[in-house]
Amino acid sequence: MKKIHLVFLWHMHQPFYKELGTQRYQLPWTRMHA
């Protein structure tokens, strides 16, 4: 059986969903999970 290389990457950073011009969040749930 051929070996494969497997990588698990766990990225804990939440994307920046705040609009810079209005300072409002683009999605309603993002401010609750920040």
C-alpha atoms as a PDB file:
ATOM      1  CA  MET A   1       0.000   0.000   0.000  1.00  0.00           C
ATOM      2  CA  LYS A   2       1.313   3.426  -0.956  1.00  0.00           C
ATOM      3  CA  LYS A   3       1.911   5.905   1.891  1.00  0.00           C
ATOM      4  CA  ILE A   4       0.292   9.320   1.746  1.00  0.00           C
ATOM      5  CA  HIS A   5       1.256  12.541   3.505  1.00  0.00           C
ATOM      6  CA  LEU A   6      -1.596  13.958   5.567  1.00  0.00           C
ATOM      7  CA  VAL A   7      -1.662  17.288   7.405  1.00  0.00           C
ATOM      8  CA  PHE A   8      -4.347  18.491   9.815  1.00  0.00           C
ATOM      9  CA  LEU A   9      -4.413  22.279  10.030  1.00  0.00           C
ATOM     10  CA  TRP A  10      -6.541  23.845  12.761  1.00  0.00           C
ATOM     11  CA  HIS A  11      -6.896  27.575  12.193  1.00  0.00           C
ATOM     12  CA  MET A  12      -8.469  29.372  15.183  1.00  0.00           C
ATOM     13  CA  HIS A  13      -8.479  32.874  13.669  1.00  0.00           C
ATOM     14  CA  GLN A  14     -11.884  34.277  12.805  1.00  0.00           C
ATOM     15  CA  PRO A  15     -12.012  36.318   9.583  1.00  0.00           C
ATOM     16  CA  PHE A  16     -12.508  40.081   9.878  1.00  0.00           C
ATOM     17  CA  TYR A  17     -16.163  40.668   8.985  1.00  0.00           C
ATOM     18  CA  LYS A  18     -16.391  44.324  10.037  1.00  0.00           C
ATOM     19  CA  GLU A  19     -16.825  46.875   7.243  1.00  0.00           C
ATOM     20  CA  LEU A  20     -14.160  49.548   7.623  1.00  0.00           C
ATOM     21  CA  GLY A  21     -16.300  52.418   6.310  1.00  0.00           C
ATOM     22  CA  THR A  22     -19.390  51.856   8.457  1.00  0.00           C
ATOM     23  CA  GLN A  23     -17.843  49.887  11.372  1.00  0.00           C
ATOM     24  CA  ARG A  24     -20.769  47.444  11.067  1.00  0.00           C
ATOM     25  CA  TYR A  25     -20.470  43.670  10.938  1.00  0.00           C
ATOM     26  CA  GLN A  26     -21.342  42.005   7.619  1.00  0.00           C
ATOM     27  CA  LEU A  27     -22.823  38.893   9.271  1.00  0.00           C
ATOM     28  CA  PRO A  28     -25.067  39.102  12.349  1.00  0.00           C
ATOM     29  CA  TRP A  29     -23.429  36.256  14.310  1.00  0.00           C
ATOM     30  CA  THR A  30     -19.788  37.375  14.007  1.00  0.00           C
ATOM     31  CA  ARG A  31     -19.845  39.859  16.896  1.00  0.00           C
ATOM     32  CA  MET A  32     -21.160  37.114  19.200  1.00  0.00           C
ATOM     33  CA  HIS A  33     -18.292  34.721  18.379  1.00  0.00           C
ATOM     34  CA  ALA A  34     -15.411  37.203  18.432  1.00  0.00           C
END
